Amino acid sequence: NGSHNFTSGNVGIGTTSPGNKLEVRGDIAVAISDTQDIIKLSDAGNDGSIELYTGESTPVLRTKLTAYGDSYFGNSNAKLGIGTTSPDANLVVASSSGATIKLQDTGSHAFSLVCENNSNFLNFKEGGGTSILSIDGSNQRVGIGTTLPGNTLQVSGSSSTPLSSERTTNSGGFAMLQGKMGDSASTTAGHVYS
């Protein structure tokens, strides 16, 4: 009927001049019955779209990938692995060189969250790769301005005031910083007032 064409070794469905080994003009579906499509490739609004449905009697759209528009995994129990074939959480990113998640605007501003390889460190880095905050999971320490915190919280910086605290109201004396030692709540090592 003219809807199937063979040209120079190429097969066309819905086109008389296929430019690929197989070219289909229109939607393509993989179905388990006449009413149960489980995979659909379409040209939604002239943009590519892949849809995955459940195999139930009334198929439910669970996953959709589009070239332009919203894409999603609709199953709340689904697990997505990048760099791993056995994800054990909703999203697992694995890499032998240090797993990285990067957030970037349309310009050059970016931040990265890096799980360093072969160590129990998580680093929050700015676009140039400098660590802003480091978490030492093995020793339960946090470092700001240092990648090797030696205390539970260590703040390092070239500024004359690497750590500051501010109160926006002036309603009498107050402690800016308070430290305690020992097991007793009444054992106070000292205060810093302003």
C-alpha atoms as a PDB file:
ATOM      1  CA  ASN A   1       0.000   0.000   0.000  1.00  0.00           C
ATOM      2  CA  GLY A   2       3.044   2.274  -0.216  1.00  0.00           C
ATOM      3  CA  SER A   3       3.601   2.603   3.552  1.00  0.00           C
ATOM      4  CA  HIS A   4       6.590   0.229   3.525  1.00  0.00           C
ATOM      5  CA  ASN A   5       9.559   1.095   1.340  1.00  0.00           C
ATOM      6  CA  PHE A   6      12.952  -0.436   0.649  1.00  0.00           C
ATOM      7  CA  THR A   7      15.597   1.931  -0.698  1.00  0.00           C
ATOM      8  CA  SER A   8      19.292   1.131  -1.113  1.00  0.00           C
ATOM      9  CA  GLY A   9      19.224  -1.355   1.754  1.00  0.00           C
ATOM     10  CA  ASN A  10      17.231   0.966   4.037  1.00  0.00           C
ATOM     11  CA  VAL A  11      13.732   0.206   5.259  1.00  0.00           C
ATOM     12  CA  GLY A  12      11.167   2.965   5.611  1.00  0.00           C
ATOM     13  CA  ILE A  13       7.807   2.805   7.350  1.00  0.00           C
ATOM     14  CA  GLY A  14       5.704   5.861   6.676  1.00  0.00           C
ATOM     15  CA  THR A  15       8.393   7.356   4.428  1.00  0.00           C
ATOM     16  CA  THR A  16       9.453   6.727   0.815  1.00  0.00           C
ATOM     17  CA  SER A  17      13.021   7.942   1.373  1.00  0.00           C
ATOM     18  CA  PRO A  18      14.473   6.322   4.498  1.00  0.00           C
ATOM     19  CA  GLY A  19      17.903   7.676   5.422  1.00  0.00           C
ATOM     20  CA  ASN A  20      18.680   4.955   7.970  1.00  0.00           C
ATOM     21  CA  LYS A  21      18.675   1.148   8.040  1.00  0.00           C
ATOM     22  CA  LEU A  22      15.242   1.394   9.659  1.00  0.00           C
ATOM     23  CA  GLU A  23      13.307   4.651   9.714  1.00  0.00           C
ATOM     24  CA  VAL A  24       9.795   5.047  11.058  1.00  0.00           C
ATOM     25  CA  ARG A  25       7.733   8.195  10.720  1.00  0.00           C
ATOM     26  CA  GLY A  26       5.374   8.184  13.682  1.00  0.00           C
ATOM     27  CA  ASP A  27       5.195   6.369  17.004  1.00  0.00           C
ATOM     28  CA  ILE A  28       6.711   2.941  17.726  1.00  0.00           C
ATOM     29  CA  ALA A  29       5.316   0.669  20.431  1.00  0.00           C
ATOM     30  CA  VAL A  30       6.258  -2.644  22.051  1.00  0.00           C
ATOM     31  CA  ALA A  31       3.065  -4.263  23.290  1.00  0.00           C
ATOM     32  CA  ILE A  32       1.967  -7.417  25.083  1.00  0.00           C
ATOM     33  CA  SER A  33      -1.595  -7.099  23.698  1.00  0.00           C
ATOM     34  CA  ASP A  34      -3.630  -4.821  21.447  1.00  0.00           C
ATOM     35  CA  THR A  35      -4.376  -2.564  24.424  1.00  0.00           C
ATOM     36  CA  GLN A  36      -1.189  -2.940  26.470  1.00  0.00           C
ATOM     37  CA  ASP A  37       1.757  -0.926  25.217  1.00  0.00           C
ATOM     38  CA  ILE A  38       4.731  -1.304  27.570  1.00  0.00           C
ATOM     39  CA  ILE A  39       7.316   0.701  25.602  1.00  0.00           C
ATOM     40  CA  LYS A  40       6.561   3.639  23.362  1.00  0.00           C
ATOM     41  CA  LEU A  41       8.875   5.794  21.269  1.00  0.00           C
ATOM     42  CA  SER A  42       7.176   8.882  19.961  1.00  0.00           C
ATOM     43  CA  ASP A  43       7.787  12.270  18.410  1.00  0.00           C
ATOM     44  CA  ALA A  44       5.869  14.157  21.101  1.00  0.00           C
ATOM     45  CA  GLY A  45       5.573  17.691  19.762  1.00  0.00           C
ATOM     46  CA  ASN A  46       8.385  16.948  17.268  1.00  0.00           C
ATOM     47  CA  ASP A  47      10.689  16.099  20.190  1.00  0.00           C
ATOM     48  CA  GLY A  48      11.885  12.597  21.048  1.00  0.00           C
ATOM     49  CA  SER A  49      10.125  10.765  23.857  1.00  0.00           C
ATOM     50  CA  ILE A  50      10.539   7.306  25.446  1.00  0.00           C
ATOM     51  CA  GLU A  51       7.781   6.012  27.715  1.00  0.00           C
ATOM     52  CA  LEU A  52       7.816   2.836  29.836  1.00  0.00           C
ATOM     53  CA  TYR A  53       4.554   1.375  31.126  1.00  0.00           C
ATOM     54  CA  THR A  54       3.656  -1.378  33.586  1.00  0.00           C
ATOM     55  CA  GLY A  55       2.318  -4.683  32.237  1.00  0.00           C
ATOM     56  CA  GLU A  56      -0.986  -4.403  34.093  1.00  0.00           C
ATOM     57  CA  SER A  57      -4.349  -4.785  32.336  1.00  0.00           C
ATOM     58  CA  THR A  58      -4.515  -0.996  32.378  1.00  0.00           C
ATOM     59  CA  PRO A  59      -0.873   0.042  31.796  1.00  0.00           C
ATOM     60  CA  VAL A  60       0.494   2.787  34.046  1.00  0.00           C
ATOM     61  CA  LEU A  61       3.177   5.164  32.808  1.00  0.00           C
ATOM     62  CA  ARG A  62       6.135   4.879  35.210  1.00  0.00           C
ATOM     63  CA  THR A  63       9.126   6.278  33.360  1.00  0.00           C
ATOM     64  CA  LYS A  64       9.341   9.019  30.771  1.00  0.00           C
ATOM     65  CA  LEU A  65      12.390  10.516  29.087  1.00  0.00           C
ATOM     66  CA  THR A  66      11.907  13.480  26.798  1.00  0.00           C
ATOM     67  CA  ALA A  67      14.318  15.594  24.782  1.00  0.00           C
ATOM     68  CA  TYR A  68      12.417  18.725  25.770  1.00  0.00           C
ATOM     69  CA  GLY A  69      10.091  18.896  28.764  1.00  0.00           C
ATOM     70  CA  ASP A  70       9.590  16.876  31.933  1.00  0.00           C
ATOM     71  CA  SER A  71      11.286  13.516  32.476  1.00  0.00           C
ATOM     72  CA  TYR A  72      10.663  11.332  35.501  1.00  0.00           C
ATOM     73  CA  PHE A  73      10.737   7.966  37.258  1.00  0.00           C
ATOM     74  CA  GLY A  74       7.240   7.608  38.653  1.00  0.00           C
ATOM     75  CA  ASN A  75       7.712   4.586  40.918  1.00  0.00           C
ATOM     76  CA  SER A  76       8.475   5.755  44.481  1.00  0.00           C
ATOM     77  CA  ASN A  77      10.237   2.445  45.181  1.00  0.00           C
ATOM     78  CA  ALA A  78      12.473   2.672  42.115  1.00  0.00           C
ATOM     79  CA  LYS A  79      16.237   2.789  42.488  1.00  0.00           C
ATOM     80  CA  LEU A  80      18.527   4.427  39.957  1.00  0.00           C
ATOM     81  CA  GLY A  81      22.186   3.507  39.756  1.00  0.00           C
ATOM     82  CA  ILE A  82      24.854   5.473  37.917  1.00  0.00           C
ATOM     83  CA  GLY A  83      28.097   3.533  37.780  1.00  0.00           C
ATOM     84  CA  THR A  84      26.549   0.598  39.639  1.00  0.00           C
ATOM     85  CA  THR A  85      24.196  -2.238  38.697  1.00  0.00           C
ATOM     86  CA  SER A  86      22.945  -2.781  42.247  1.00  0.00           C
ATOM     87  CA  PRO A  87      21.680   0.530  43.691  1.00  0.00           C
ATOM     88  CA  ASP A  88      20.354   0.221  47.251  1.00  0.00           C
ATOM     89  CA  ALA A  89      18.807   3.704  47.493  1.00  0.00           C
ATOM     90  CA  ASN A  90      16.650   5.917  45.282  1.00  0.00           C
ATOM     91  CA  LEU A  91      19.800   7.338  43.683  1.00  0.00           C
ATOM     92  CA  VAL A  92      23.286   5.838  43.911  1.00  0.00           C
ATOM     93  CA  VAL A  93      26.257   7.393  42.108  1.00  0.00           C
ATOM     94  CA  ALA A  94      29.401   5.261  42.129  1.00  0.00           C
ATOM     95  CA  SER A  95      32.823   5.771  40.589  1.00  0.00           C
ATOM     96  CA  SER A  96      36.272   4.282  41.101  1.00  0.00           C
ATOM     97  CA  SER A  97      37.741   7.778  40.793  1.00  0.00           C
ATOM     98  CA  GLY A  98      35.399   9.430  43.310  1.00  0.00           C
ATOM     99  CA  ALA A  99      31.653   9.812  42.783  1.00  0.00           C
ATOM    100  CA  THR A 100      30.646  13.390  42.003  1.00  0.00           C
ATOM    101  CA  ILE A 101      27.352  15.242  41.777  1.00  0.00           C
ATOM    102  CA  LYS A 102      27.711  18.669  40.156  1.00  0.00           C
ATOM    103  CA  LEU A 103      25.276  21.584  40.228  1.00  0.00           C
ATOM    104  CA  GLN A 104      25.883  24.304  37.662  1.00  0.00           C
ATOM    105  CA  ASP A 105      23.994  27.293  36.348  1.00  0.00           C
ATOM    106  CA  THR A 106      23.914  28.229  32.672  1.00  0.00           C
ATOM    107  CA  GLY A 107      27.123  30.203  33.163  1.00  0.00           C
ATOM    108  CA  SER A 108      30.349  29.176  34.858  1.00  0.00           C
ATOM    109  CA  HIS A 109      29.161  28.968  38.477  1.00  0.00           C
ATOM    110  CA  ALA A 110      29.229  25.450  39.886  1.00  0.00           C
ATOM    111  CA  PHE A 111      29.436  23.419  43.070  1.00  0.00           C
ATOM    112  CA  SER A 112      30.245  19.732  43.443  1.00  0.00           C
ATOM    113  CA  LEU A 113      29.587  17.113  46.091  1.00  0.00           C
ATOM    114  CA  VAL A 114      32.389  14.533  45.964  1.00  0.00           C
ATOM    115  CA  CYS A 115      32.662  11.197  47.751  1.00  0.00           C
ATOM    116  CA  GLU A 116      36.422  10.772  47.607  1.00  0.00           C
ATOM    117  CA  ASN A 117      37.752   7.435  46.334  1.00  0.00           C
ATOM    118  CA  ASN A 118      39.181   4.938  48.839  1.00  0.00           C
ATOM    119  CA  SER A 119      38.462   7.201  51.816  1.00  0.00           C
ATOM    120  CA  ASN A 120      35.534   8.024  54.032  1.00  0.00           C
ATOM    121  CA  PHE A 121      35.535  11.720  53.107  1.00  0.00           C
ATOM    122  CA  LEU A 122      32.761  13.794  51.606  1.00  0.00           C
ATOM    123  CA  ASN A 123      33.853  17.145  50.152  1.00  0.00           C
ATOM    124  CA  PHE A 124      31.747  20.102  49.075  1.00  0.00           C
ATOM    125  CA  LYS A 125      33.733  21.967  46.419  1.00  0.00           C
ATOM    126  CA  GLU A 126      33.377  25.191  44.469  1.00  0.00           C
ATOM    127  CA  GLY A 127      33.680  25.297  40.679  1.00  0.00           C
ATOM    128  CA  GLY A 128      37.472  25.476  40.661  1.00  0.00           C
ATOM    129  CA  GLY A 129      37.788  22.301  42.731  1.00  0.00           C
ATOM    130  CA  THR A 130      38.687  23.921  46.066  1.00  0.00           C
ATOM    131  CA  SER A 131      37.067  22.200  49.047  1.00  0.00           C
ATOM    132  CA  ILE A 132      34.821  24.484  51.074  1.00  0.00           C
ATOM    133  CA  LEU A 133      33.575  21.901  53.554  1.00  0.00           C
ATOM    134  CA  SER A 134      34.912  18.420  54.329  1.00  0.00           C
ATOM    135  CA  ILE A 135      33.298  15.651  56.346  1.00  0.00           C
ATOM    136  CA  ASP A 136      35.530  12.941  57.795  1.00  0.00           C
ATOM    137  CA  GLY A 137      33.135  10.031  58.245  1.00  0.00           C
ATOM    138  CA  SER A 138      35.661   7.759  59.940  1.00  0.00           C
ATOM    139  CA  ASN A 139      36.401  10.196  62.773  1.00  0.00           C
ATOM    140  CA  GLN A 140      33.105  12.118  62.644  1.00  0.00           C
ATOM    141  CA  ARG A 141      34.776  15.462  62.057  1.00  0.00           C
ATOM    142  CA  VAL A 142      33.819  18.486  59.989  1.00  0.00           C
ATOM    143  CA  GLY A 143      36.291  20.882  58.439  1.00  0.00           C
ATOM    144  CA  ILE A 144      35.580  24.293  56.927  1.00  0.00           C
ATOM    145  CA  GLY A 145      38.516  25.613  54.976  1.00  0.00           C
ATOM    146  CA  THR A 146      40.482  22.413  55.598  1.00  0.00           C
ATOM    147  CA  THR A 147      40.274  18.920  54.132  1.00  0.00           C
ATOM    148  CA  LEU A 148      41.850  17.267  57.195  1.00  0.00           C
ATOM    149  CA  PRO A 149      39.920  18.431  60.274  1.00  0.00           C
ATOM    150  CA  GLY A 150      41.723  17.522  63.483  1.00  0.00           C
ATOM    151  CA  ASN A 151      38.772  18.291  65.760  1.00  0.00           C
ATOM    152  CA  THR A 152      35.047  17.652  65.787  1.00  0.00           C
ATOM    153  CA  LEU A 153      34.685  21.051  64.081  1.00  0.00           C
ATOM    154  CA  GLN A 154      37.675  22.869  62.662  1.00  0.00           C
ATOM    155  CA  VAL A 155      37.405  26.208  60.896  1.00  0.00           C
ATOM    156  CA  SER A 156      40.470  27.454  59.026  1.00  0.00           C
ATOM    157  CA  GLY A 157      40.934  30.524  56.889  1.00  0.00           C
ATOM    158  CA  SER A 158      43.260  33.363  55.952  1.00  0.00           C
ATOM    159  CA  SER A 159      40.779  35.933  57.262  1.00  0.00           C
ATOM    160  CA  SER A 160      41.556  37.566  60.618  1.00  0.00           C
ATOM    161  CA  THR A 161      38.104  36.382  61.718  1.00  0.00           C
ATOM    162  CA  PRO A 162      37.555  32.891  60.273  1.00  0.00           C
ATOM    163  CA  LEU A 163      34.617  32.250  62.612  1.00  0.00           C
ATOM    164  CA  SER A 164      32.077  34.831  63.717  1.00  0.00           C
ATOM    165  CA  SER A 165      28.700  34.932  65.409  1.00  0.00           C
ATOM    166  CA  GLU A 166      26.254  37.808  65.401  1.00  0.00           C
ATOM    167  CA  ARG A 167      23.135  38.710  67.313  1.00  0.00           C
ATOM    168  CA  THR A 168      20.810  41.181  65.651  1.00  0.00           C
ATOM    169  CA  THR A 169      19.234  42.522  68.887  1.00  0.00           C
ATOM    170  CA  ASN A 170      20.863  44.217  71.873  1.00  0.00           C
ATOM    171  CA  SER A 171      18.746  43.149  74.841  1.00  0.00           C
ATOM    172  CA  GLY A 172      21.386  42.725  77.530  1.00  0.00           C
ATOM    173  CA  GLY A 173      24.484  40.605  77.882  1.00  0.00           C
ATOM    174  CA  PHE A 174      24.685  37.284  76.166  1.00  0.00           C
ATOM    175  CA  ALA A 175      27.245  34.598  75.424  1.00  0.00           C
ATOM    176  CA  MET A 176      28.474  34.487  71.845  1.00  0.00           C
ATOM    177  CA  LEU A 177      30.243  31.176  72.421  1.00  0.00           C
ATOM    178  CA  GLN A 178      29.961  28.726  75.280  1.00  0.00           C
ATOM    179  CA  GLY A 179      32.065  25.661  75.971  1.00  0.00           C
ATOM    180  CA  LYS A 180      31.707  22.874  78.507  1.00  0.00           C
ATOM    181  CA  MET A 181      33.944  20.047  79.617  1.00  0.00           C
ATOM    182  CA  GLY A 182      33.229  16.876  81.547  1.00  0.00           C
ATOM    183  CA  ASP A 183      30.077  14.828  81.959  1.00  0.00           C
ATOM    184  CA  SER A 184      28.259  17.255  84.251  1.00  0.00           C
ATOM    185  CA  ALA A 185      26.075  19.869  82.613  1.00  0.00           C
ATOM    186  CA  SER A 186      27.153  22.294  85.339  1.00  0.00           C
ATOM    187  CA  THR A 187      30.847  22.015  84.445  1.00  0.00           C
ATOM    188  CA  THR A 188      31.404  25.034  82.205  1.00  0.00           C
ATOM    189  CA  ALA A 189      34.817  25.720  80.766  1.00  0.00           C
ATOM    190  CA  GLY A 190      34.155  29.256  79.671  1.00  0.00           C
ATOM    191  CA  HIS A 191      32.160  31.860  77.811  1.00  0.00           C
ATOM    192  CA  VAL A 192      33.021  34.489  75.250  1.00  0.00           C
ATOM    193  CA  TYR A 193      30.888  37.602  75.669  1.00  0.00           C
ATOM    194  CA  SER A 194      30.344  40.647  73.569  1.00  0.00           C
END
